Full PDB file with SEQRES, HELIX, SHEET, SSBOND, CRYST1, ORIGX, SCALE, CONECT and MASTER records, all heavy atoms in Angstrom:
SEQRES   1 A   33  ALA GLY LEU TYR GLU VAL THR PRO ASP ALA HIS PRO ILE          
SEQRES   2 A   33  TYR GLY ALA THR ASP VAL LYS GLY PHE LEU LEU CYS THR          
SEQRES   3 A   33  GLY PHE SER GLY HIS GLY PHE                                  
SHEET    1 AA1 2 ILE A  13  ALA A  16  0                                        
SHEET    2 AA1 2 LEU A  23  THR A  26 -1                                        
CRYST1    1.000    1.000    1.000  90.00  90.00  90.00 P 1           1          
ORIGX1      1.000000  0.000000  0.000000        0.00000                         
ORIGX2      0.000000  1.000000  0.000000        0.00000                         
ORIGX3      0.000000  0.000000  1.000000        0.00000                         
SCALE1      1.000000  0.000000  0.000000        0.00000                         
SCALE2      0.000000  1.000000  0.000000        0.00000                         
SCALE3      0.000000  0.000000  1.000000        0.00000                         
ATOM      1  N   ALA A   1     -23.354 -25.003  -4.323  1.00  0.00           N  
ATOM      2  CA  ALA A   1     -22.299 -24.214  -4.957  1.00  0.00           C  
ATOM      3  C   ALA A   1     -22.550 -24.179  -6.455  1.00  0.00           C  
ATOM      4  O   ALA A   1     -23.189 -25.071  -7.024  1.00  0.00           O  
ATOM      5  CB  ALA A   1     -20.924 -24.801  -4.655  1.00  0.00           C  
ATOM      6  N   GLY A   2     -22.066 -23.140  -7.095  1.00  0.00           N  
ATOM      7  CA  GLY A   2     -22.184 -23.004  -8.540  1.00  0.00           C  
ATOM      8  C   GLY A   2     -21.032 -22.166  -9.057  1.00  0.00           C  
ATOM      9  O   GLY A   2     -20.106 -21.824  -8.300  1.00  0.00           O  
ATOM     10  N   LEU A   3     -21.081 -21.825 -10.308  1.00  0.00           N  
ATOM     11  CA  LEU A   3     -19.973 -21.107 -10.936  1.00  0.00           C  
ATOM     12  C   LEU A   3     -20.404 -19.736 -11.434  1.00  0.00           C  
ATOM     13  O   LEU A   3     -21.465 -19.589 -12.051  1.00  0.00           O  
ATOM     14  CB  LEU A   3     -19.415 -21.912 -12.117  1.00  0.00           C  
ATOM     15  CG  LEU A   3     -18.856 -23.294 -11.792  1.00  0.00           C  
ATOM     16  CD1 LEU A   3     -18.445 -23.993 -13.076  1.00  0.00           C  
ATOM     17  CD2 LEU A   3     -17.696 -23.207 -10.815  1.00  0.00           C  
ATOM     18  N   TYR A   4     -19.584 -18.740 -11.140  1.00  0.00           N  
ATOM     19  CA  TYR A   4     -19.688 -17.438 -11.780  1.00  0.00           C  
ATOM     20  C   TYR A   4     -18.767 -17.461 -12.995  1.00  0.00           C  
ATOM     21  O   TYR A   4     -17.716 -18.116 -12.970  1.00  0.00           O  
ATOM     22  CB  TYR A   4     -19.203 -16.325 -10.842  1.00  0.00           C  
ATOM     23  CG  TYR A   4     -20.203 -15.848  -9.832  1.00  0.00           C  
ATOM     24  CD1 TYR A   4     -21.412 -16.484  -9.623  1.00  0.00           C  
ATOM     25  CD2 TYR A   4     -19.917 -14.732  -9.043  1.00  0.00           C  
ATOM     26  CE1 TYR A   4     -22.315 -16.028  -8.675  1.00  0.00           C  
ATOM     27  CE2 TYR A   4     -20.809 -14.266  -8.099  1.00  0.00           C  
ATOM     28  CZ  TYR A   4     -22.011 -14.911  -7.906  1.00  0.00           C  
ATOM     29  OH  TYR A   4     -22.888 -14.461  -6.978  1.00  0.00           O  
ATOM     30  N   GLU A   5     -19.140 -16.727 -14.050  1.00  0.00           N  
ATOM     31  CA  GLU A   5     -18.220 -16.539 -15.178  1.00  0.00           C  
ATOM     32  C   GLU A   5     -17.672 -15.126 -15.039  1.00  0.00           C  
ATOM     33  O   GLU A   5     -18.382 -14.137 -15.209  1.00  0.00           O  
ATOM     34  CB  GLU A   5     -18.912 -16.826 -16.512  1.00  0.00           C  
ATOM     35  CG  GLU A   5     -19.737 -15.743 -17.139  1.00  0.00           C  
ATOM     36  CD  GLU A   5     -21.068 -15.457 -16.448  1.00  0.00           C  
ATOM     37  OE1 GLU A   5     -21.239 -15.772 -15.256  1.00  0.00           O  
ATOM     38  OE2 GLU A   5     -21.938 -14.878 -17.104  1.00  0.00           O  
ATOM     39  N   VAL A   6     -16.393 -15.030 -14.661  1.00  0.00           N  
ATOM     40  CA  VAL A   6     -15.821 -13.785 -14.157  1.00  0.00           C  
ATOM     41  C   VAL A   6     -14.812 -13.182 -15.129  1.00  0.00           C  
ATOM     42  O   VAL A   6     -13.955 -13.889 -15.666  1.00  0.00           O  
ATOM     43  CB  VAL A   6     -15.146 -14.034 -12.794  1.00  0.00           C  
ATOM     44  CG1 VAL A   6     -14.542 -12.748 -12.239  1.00  0.00           C  
ATOM     45  CG2 VAL A   6     -16.151 -14.608 -11.803  1.00  0.00           C  
ATOM     46  N   THR A   7     -14.923 -11.878 -15.334  1.00  0.00           N  
ATOM     47  CA  THR A   7     -13.944 -11.131 -16.119  1.00  0.00           C  
ATOM     48  C   THR A   7     -13.000 -10.397 -15.171  1.00  0.00           C  
ATOM     49  O   THR A   7     -13.281 -10.285 -13.975  1.00  0.00           O  
ATOM     50  CB  THR A   7     -14.647 -10.094 -17.020  1.00  0.00           C  
ATOM     51  OG1 THR A   7     -15.354  -9.160 -16.186  1.00  0.00           O  
ATOM     52  CG2 THR A   7     -15.619 -10.763 -17.970  1.00  0.00           C  
ATOM     53  N   PRO A   8     -11.880  -9.879 -15.673  1.00  0.00           N  
ATOM     54  CA  PRO A   8     -10.929  -9.191 -14.786  1.00  0.00           C  
ATOM     55  C   PRO A   8     -11.503  -8.018 -14.004  1.00  0.00           C  
ATOM     56  O   PRO A   8     -11.038  -7.715 -12.906  1.00  0.00           O  
ATOM     57  CB  PRO A   8      -9.833  -8.726 -15.758  1.00  0.00           C  
ATOM     58  CG  PRO A   8      -9.843  -9.757 -16.834  1.00  0.00           C  
ATOM     59  CD  PRO A   8     -11.308 -10.089 -17.018  1.00  0.00           C  
ATOM     60  N   ASP A   9     -12.521  -7.346 -14.547  1.00  0.00           N  
ATOM     61  CA  ASP A   9     -13.103  -6.213 -13.812  1.00  0.00           C  
ATOM     62  C   ASP A   9     -14.540  -6.471 -13.369  1.00  0.00           C  
ATOM     63  O   ASP A   9     -15.218  -5.561 -12.914  1.00  0.00           O  
ATOM     64  CB  ASP A   9     -13.028  -4.924 -14.641  1.00  0.00           C  
ATOM     65  CG  ASP A   9     -13.899  -4.965 -15.888  1.00  0.00           C  
ATOM     66  OD1 ASP A   9     -14.502  -6.023 -16.162  1.00  0.00           O  
ATOM     67  OD2 ASP A   9     -13.958  -3.943 -16.600  1.00  0.00           O  
ATOM     68  N   ALA A  10     -15.000  -7.723 -13.511  1.00  0.00           N  
ATOM     69  CA  ALA A  10     -16.338  -8.133 -13.070  1.00  0.00           C  
ATOM     70  C   ALA A  10     -17.466  -7.448 -13.843  1.00  0.00           C  
ATOM     71  O   ALA A  10     -18.601  -7.409 -13.388  1.00  0.00           O  
ATOM     72  CB  ALA A  10     -16.520  -7.905 -11.573  1.00  0.00           C  
ATOM     73  N   HIS A  11     -17.160  -6.926 -15.014  1.00  0.00           N  
ATOM     74  CA  HIS A  11     -18.179  -6.370 -15.896  1.00  0.00           C  
ATOM     75  C   HIS A  11     -18.297  -7.253 -17.128  1.00  0.00           C  
ATOM     76  O   HIS A  11     -17.320  -7.884 -17.548  1.00  0.00           O  
ATOM     77  CB  HIS A  11     -17.833  -4.938 -16.315  1.00  0.00           C  
ATOM     78  CG  HIS A  11     -17.998  -3.942 -15.211  1.00  0.00           C  
ATOM     79  ND1 HIS A  11     -19.227  -3.568 -14.730  1.00  0.00           N  
ATOM     80  CD2 HIS A  11     -17.096  -3.247 -14.486  1.00  0.00           C  
ATOM     81  CE1 HIS A  11     -19.077  -2.681 -13.768  1.00  0.00           C  
ATOM     82  NE2 HIS A  11     -17.786  -2.481 -13.593  1.00  0.00           N  
ATOM     83  N   PRO A  12     -19.490  -7.293 -17.739  1.00  0.00           N  
ATOM     84  CA  PRO A  12     -19.689  -8.187 -18.884  1.00  0.00           C  
ATOM     85  C   PRO A  12     -18.967  -7.725 -20.145  1.00  0.00           C  
ATOM     86  O   PRO A  12     -18.478  -6.595 -20.231  1.00  0.00           O  
ATOM     87  CB  PRO A  12     -21.205  -8.161 -19.081  1.00  0.00           C  
ATOM     88  CG  PRO A  12     -21.634  -6.848 -18.531  1.00  0.00           C  
ATOM     89  CD  PRO A  12     -20.728  -6.593 -17.362  1.00  0.00           C  
ATOM     90  N   ILE A  13     -18.915  -8.622 -21.115  1.00  0.00           N  
ATOM     91  CA  ILE A  13     -18.351  -8.339 -22.429  1.00  0.00           C  
ATOM     92  C   ILE A  13     -19.492  -8.385 -23.441  1.00  0.00           C  
ATOM     93  O   ILE A  13     -20.224  -9.368 -23.514  1.00  0.00           O  
ATOM     94  CB  ILE A  13     -17.285  -9.377 -22.817  1.00  0.00           C  
ATOM     95  CG1 ILE A  13     -16.193  -9.468 -21.748  1.00  0.00           C  
ATOM     96  CG2 ILE A  13     -16.667  -9.022 -24.168  1.00  0.00           C  
ATOM     97  CD1 ILE A  13     -15.249 -10.643 -21.958  1.00  0.00           C  
ATOM     98  N   TYR A  14     -19.627  -7.307 -24.200  1.00  0.00           N  
ATOM     99  CA  TYR A  14     -20.655  -7.234 -25.240  1.00  0.00           C  
ATOM    100  C   TYR A  14     -19.995  -6.952 -26.589  1.00  0.00           C  
ATOM    101  O   TYR A  14     -19.040  -6.184 -26.655  1.00  0.00           O  
ATOM    102  CB  TYR A  14     -21.629  -6.072 -24.985  1.00  0.00           C  
ATOM    103  CG  TYR A  14     -22.526  -6.197 -23.785  1.00  0.00           C  
ATOM    104  CD1 TYR A  14     -22.244  -5.506 -22.616  1.00  0.00           C  
ATOM    105  CD2 TYR A  14     -23.696  -6.955 -23.840  1.00  0.00           C  
ATOM    106  CE1 TYR A  14     -23.090  -5.578 -21.516  1.00  0.00           C  
ATOM    107  CE2 TYR A  14     -24.552  -7.022 -22.750  1.00  0.00           C  
ATOM    108  CZ  TYR A  14     -24.238  -6.338 -21.590  1.00  0.00           C  
ATOM    109  OH  TYR A  14     -25.079  -6.410 -20.509  1.00  0.00           O  
ATOM    110  N   GLY A  15     -20.545  -7.530 -27.647  1.00  0.00           N  
ATOM    111  CA  GLY A  15     -20.161  -7.081 -28.970  1.00  0.00           C  
ATOM    112  C   GLY A  15     -19.509  -8.108 -29.857  1.00  0.00           C  
ATOM    113  O   GLY A  15     -19.492  -9.303 -29.584  1.00  0.00           O  
ATOM    114  N   ALA A  16     -18.927  -7.599 -30.939  1.00  0.00           N  
ATOM    115  CA  ALA A  16     -18.376  -8.429 -31.992  1.00  0.00           C  
ATOM    116  C   ALA A  16     -16.957  -8.879 -31.675  1.00  0.00           C  
ATOM    117  O   ALA A  16     -16.293  -8.358 -30.771  1.00  0.00           O  
ATOM    118  CB  ALA A  16     -18.385  -7.657 -33.306  1.00  0.00           C  
ATOM    119  N   THR A  17     -16.504  -9.871 -32.431  1.00  0.00           N  
ATOM    120  CA  THR A  17     -15.132 -10.363 -32.370  1.00  0.00           C  
ATOM    121  C   THR A  17     -14.561 -10.320 -33.788  1.00  0.00           C  
ATOM    122  O   THR A  17     -15.227  -9.892 -34.733  1.00  0.00           O  
ATOM    123  CB  THR A  17     -15.081 -11.809 -31.857  1.00  0.00           C  
ATOM    124  OG1 THR A  17     -15.677 -12.671 -32.840  1.00  0.00           O  
ATOM    125  CG2 THR A  17     -15.834 -11.948 -30.539  1.00  0.00           C  
ATOM    126  N   ASP A  18     -13.321 -10.777 -33.928  1.00  0.00           N  
ATOM    127  CA  ASP A  18     -12.710 -10.818 -35.265  1.00  0.00           C  
ATOM    128  C   ASP A  18     -13.302 -11.917 -36.141  1.00  0.00           C  
ATOM    129  O   ASP A  18     -13.034 -11.962 -37.343  1.00  0.00           O  
ATOM    130  CB  ASP A  18     -11.194 -11.026 -35.134  1.00  0.00           C  
ATOM    131  CG  ASP A  18     -10.494  -9.805 -34.542  1.00  0.00           C  
ATOM    132  OD1 ASP A  18     -11.057  -8.699 -34.664  1.00  0.00           O  
ATOM    133  OD2 ASP A  18      -9.403  -9.965 -33.974  1.00  0.00           O  
ATOM    134  N   VAL A  19     -14.068 -12.823 -35.520  1.00  0.00           N  
ATOM    135  CA  VAL A  19     -14.724 -13.886 -36.281  1.00  0.00           C  
ATOM    136  C   VAL A  19     -16.110 -13.408 -36.698  1.00  0.00           C  
ATOM    137  O   VAL A  19     -16.946 -13.100 -35.837  1.00  0.00           O  
ATOM    138  CB  VAL A  19     -14.831 -15.182 -35.450  1.00  0.00           C  
ATOM    139  CG1 VAL A  19     -15.566 -16.255 -36.245  1.00  0.00           C  
ATOM    140  CG2 VAL A  19     -13.448 -15.665 -35.034  1.00  0.00           C  
ATOM    141  N   LYS A  20     -16.354 -13.325 -37.994  1.00  0.00           N  
ATOM    142  CA  LYS A  20     -17.623 -12.814 -38.490  1.00  0.00           C  
ATOM    143  C   LYS A  20     -18.798 -13.620 -37.942  1.00  0.00           C  
ATOM    144  O   LYS A  20     -18.819 -14.845 -37.998  1.00  0.00           O  
ATOM    145  CB  LYS A  20     -17.641 -12.858 -40.020  1.00  0.00           C  
ATOM    146  CG  LYS A  20     -18.903 -12.244 -40.626  1.00  0.00           C  
ATOM    147  CD  LYS A  20     -18.853 -12.258 -42.149  1.00  0.00           C  
ATOM    148  CE  LYS A  20     -20.114 -11.650 -42.740  1.00  0.00           C  
ATOM    149  NZ  LYS A  20     -20.093 -11.650 -44.235  1.00  0.00           N  
ATOM    150  N   GLY A  21     -19.764 -12.925 -37.367  1.00  0.00           N  
ATOM    151  CA  GLY A  21     -20.954 -13.568 -36.840  1.00  0.00           C  
ATOM    152  C   GLY A  21     -20.819 -14.120 -35.440  1.00  0.00           C  
ATOM    153  O   GLY A  21     -21.802 -14.602 -34.867  1.00  0.00           O  
ATOM    154  N   PHE A  22     -19.606 -14.049 -34.863  1.00  0.00           N  
ATOM    155  CA  PHE A  22     -19.379 -14.555 -33.500  1.00  0.00           C  
ATOM    156  C   PHE A  22     -19.445 -13.374 -32.535  1.00  0.00           C  
ATOM    157  O   PHE A  22     -18.509 -12.591 -32.417  1.00  0.00           O  
ATOM    158  CB  PHE A  22     -18.026 -15.251 -33.408  1.00  0.00           C  
ATOM    159  CG  PHE A  22     -17.739 -15.877 -32.069  1.00  0.00           C  
ATOM    160  CD1 PHE A  22     -18.738 -16.492 -31.330  1.00  0.00           C  
ATOM    161  CD2 PHE A  22     -16.449 -15.849 -31.539  1.00  0.00           C  
ATOM    162  CE1 PHE A  22     -18.469 -17.068 -30.098  1.00  0.00           C  
ATOM    163  CE2 PHE A  22     -16.161 -16.421 -30.302  1.00  0.00           C  
ATOM    164  CZ  PHE A  22     -17.177 -17.028 -29.587  1.00  0.00           C  
ATOM    165  N   LEU A  23     -20.588 -13.234 -31.870  1.00  0.00           N  
ATOM    166  CA  LEU A  23     -20.835 -12.107 -30.970  1.00  0.00           C  
ATOM    167  C   LEU A  23     -20.764 -12.570 -29.527  1.00  0.00           C  
ATOM    168  O   LEU A  23     -21.048 -13.723 -29.213  1.00  0.00           O  
ATOM    169  CB  LEU A  23     -22.208 -11.502 -31.251  1.00  0.00           C  
ATOM    170  CG  LEU A  23     -22.490 -11.104 -32.703  1.00  0.00           C  
ATOM    171  CD1 LEU A  23     -23.910 -10.574 -32.840  1.00  0.00           C  
ATOM    172  CD2 LEU A  23     -21.473 -10.090 -33.197  1.00  0.00           C  
ATOM    173  N   LEU A  24     -20.404 -11.650 -28.637  1.00  0.00           N  
ATOM    174  CA  LEU A  24     -20.238 -11.977 -27.225  1.00  0.00           C  
ATOM    175  C   LEU A  24     -21.254 -11.253 -26.348  1.00  0.00           C  
ATOM    176  O   LEU A  24     -21.549 -10.072 -26.547  1.00  0.00           O  
ATOM    177  CB  LEU A  24     -18.828 -11.601 -26.755  1.00  0.00           C  
ATOM    178  CG  LEU A  24     -17.659 -12.298 -27.447  1.00  0.00           C  
ATOM    179  CD1 LEU A  24     -16.335 -11.783 -26.877  1.00  0.00           C  
ATOM    180  CD2 LEU A  24     -17.754 -13.804 -27.288  1.00  0.00           C  
ATOM    181  N   CYS A  25     -21.779 -11.990 -25.405  1.00  0.00           N  
ATOM    182  CA  CYS A  25     -22.623 -11.445 -24.336  1.00  0.00           C  
ATOM    183  C   CYS A  25     -22.360 -12.365 -23.149  1.00  0.00           C  
ATOM    184  O   CYS A  25     -23.082 -13.339 -22.918  1.00  0.00           O  
ATOM    185  CB  CYS A  25     -24.085 -11.449 -24.758  1.00  0.00           C  
ATOM    186  SG  CYS A  25     -25.225 -10.816 -23.515  1.00  0.00           S  
ATOM    187  N   THR A  26     -21.316 -12.073 -22.391  1.00  0.00           N  
ATOM    188  CA  THR A  26     -20.835 -13.032 -21.399  1.00  0.00           C  
ATOM    189  C   THR A  26     -20.070 -12.312 -20.289  1.00  0.00           C  
ATOM    190  O   THR A  26     -19.847 -11.109 -20.352  1.00  0.00           O  
ATOM    191  CB  THR A  26     -19.910 -14.077 -22.075  1.00  0.00           C  
ATOM    192  OG1 THR A  26     -19.566 -15.081 -21.131  1.00  0.00           O  
ATOM    193  CG2 THR A  26     -18.629 -13.436 -22.601  1.00  0.00           C  
ATOM    194  N   GLY A  27     -19.691 -13.076 -19.268  1.00  0.00           N  
ATOM    195  CA  GLY A  27     -18.843 -12.544 -18.205  1.00  0.00           C  
ATOM    196  C   GLY A  27     -19.565 -11.668 -17.202  1.00  0.00           C  
ATOM    197  O   GLY A  27     -18.997 -10.683 -16.709  1.00  0.00           O  
ATOM    198  N   PHE A  28     -20.781 -12.032 -16.829  1.00  0.00           N  
ATOM    199  CA  PHE A  28     -21.560 -11.153 -15.956  1.00  0.00           C  
ATOM    200  C   PHE A  28     -21.156 -11.225 -14.489  1.00  0.00           C  
ATOM    201  O   PHE A  28     -21.652 -10.460 -13.664  1.00  0.00           O  
ATOM    202  CB  PHE A  28     -23.054 -11.460 -16.118  1.00  0.00           C  
ATOM    203  CG  PHE A  28     -23.596 -11.004 -17.437  1.00  0.00           C  
ATOM    204  CD1 PHE A  28     -23.584 -11.855 -18.536  1.00  0.00           C  
ATOM    205  CD2 PHE A  28     -24.084  -9.730 -17.595  1.00  0.00           C  
ATOM    206  CE1 PHE A  28     -24.063 -11.436 -19.759  1.00  0.00           C  
ATOM    207  CE2 PHE A  28     -24.571  -9.295 -18.815  1.00  0.00           C  
ATOM    208  CZ  PHE A  28     -24.553 -10.151 -19.907  1.00  0.00           C  
ATOM    209  N   SER A  29     -20.309 -12.150 -14.150  1.00  0.00           N  
ATOM    210  CA  SER A  29     -19.699 -12.176 -12.813  1.00  0.00           C  
ATOM    211  C   SER A  29     -20.726 -12.165 -11.683  1.00  0.00           C  
ATOM    212  O   SER A  29     -20.543 -11.494 -10.664  1.00  0.00           O  
ATOM    213  CB  SER A  29     -18.720 -11.004 -12.668  1.00  0.00           C  
ATOM    214  OG  SER A  29     -17.777 -11.001 -13.719  1.00  0.00           O  
ATOM    215  N   GLY A  30     -21.810 -12.910 -11.879  1.00  0.00           N  
ATOM    216  CA  GLY A  30     -22.814 -13.017 -10.826  1.00  0.00           C  
ATOM    217  C   GLY A  30     -24.020 -12.120 -10.994  1.00  0.00           C  
ATOM    218  O   GLY A  30     -24.947 -12.158 -10.188  1.00  0.00           O  
ATOM    219  N   HIS A  31     -24.043 -11.298 -12.060  1.00  0.00           N  
ATOM    220  CA  HIS A  31     -25.151 -10.355 -12.248  1.00  0.00           C  
ATOM    221  C   HIS A  31     -25.965 -10.655 -13.509  1.00  0.00           C  
ATOM    222  O   HIS A  31     -26.717  -9.806 -13.981  1.00  0.00           O  
ATOM    223  CB  HIS A  31     -24.612  -8.925 -12.311  1.00  0.00           C  
ATOM    224  CG  HIS A  31     -23.893  -8.508 -11.076  1.00  0.00           C  
ATOM    225  ND1 HIS A  31     -24.544  -8.208  -9.900  1.00  0.00           N  
ATOM    226  CD2 HIS A  31     -22.571  -8.383 -10.808  1.00  0.00           C  
ATOM    227  CE1 HIS A  31     -23.658  -7.894  -8.972  1.00  0.00           C  
ATOM    228  NE2 HIS A  31     -22.460  -8.005  -9.502  1.00  0.00           N  
ATOM    229  N   GLY A  32     -25.808 -11.853 -14.055  1.00  0.00           N  
ATOM    230  CA  GLY A  32     -26.472 -12.179 -15.309  1.00  0.00           C  
ATOM    231  C   GLY A  32     -27.985 -12.151 -15.238  1.00  0.00           C  
ATOM    232  O   GLY A  32     -28.650 -11.668 -16.159  1.00  0.00           O  
ATOM    233  N   PHE A  33     -28.558 -12.662 -14.158  1.00  0.00           N  
ATOM    234  CA  PHE A  33     -30.018 -12.661 -14.025  1.00  0.00           C  
ATOM    235  C   PHE A  33     -30.534 -11.224 -13.967  1.00  0.00           C  
ATOM    236  O   PHE A  33     -31.550 -10.881 -14.581  1.00  0.00           O  
ATOM    237  CB  PHE A  33     -30.420 -13.424 -12.768  1.00  0.00           C  
ATOM    238  CG  PHE A  33     -31.901 -13.629 -12.630  1.00  0.00           C  
ATOM    239  CD1 PHE A  33     -32.530 -14.680 -13.277  1.00  0.00           C  
ATOM    240  CD2 PHE A  33     -32.673 -12.771 -11.860  1.00  0.00           C  
ATOM    241  CE1 PHE A  33     -33.910 -14.863 -13.172  1.00  0.00           C  
ATOM    242  CE2 PHE A  33     -34.040 -12.946 -11.737  1.00  0.00           C  
ATOM    243  CZ  PHE A  33     -34.658 -13.999 -12.403  1.00  0.00           C  
TER     244      PHE A  33                                                      
MASTER        0    0    0    0    2    0    0    6  243    1    0    3          
END                                                                             
């Protein structure tokens, strides 16, 4: 067994946040590879 990192719609999150330099590439819900 292992863990998926899941978002509400099972699609990833890309891009910037309100914190300067803190970028997101996460939430692939099983499709990261």
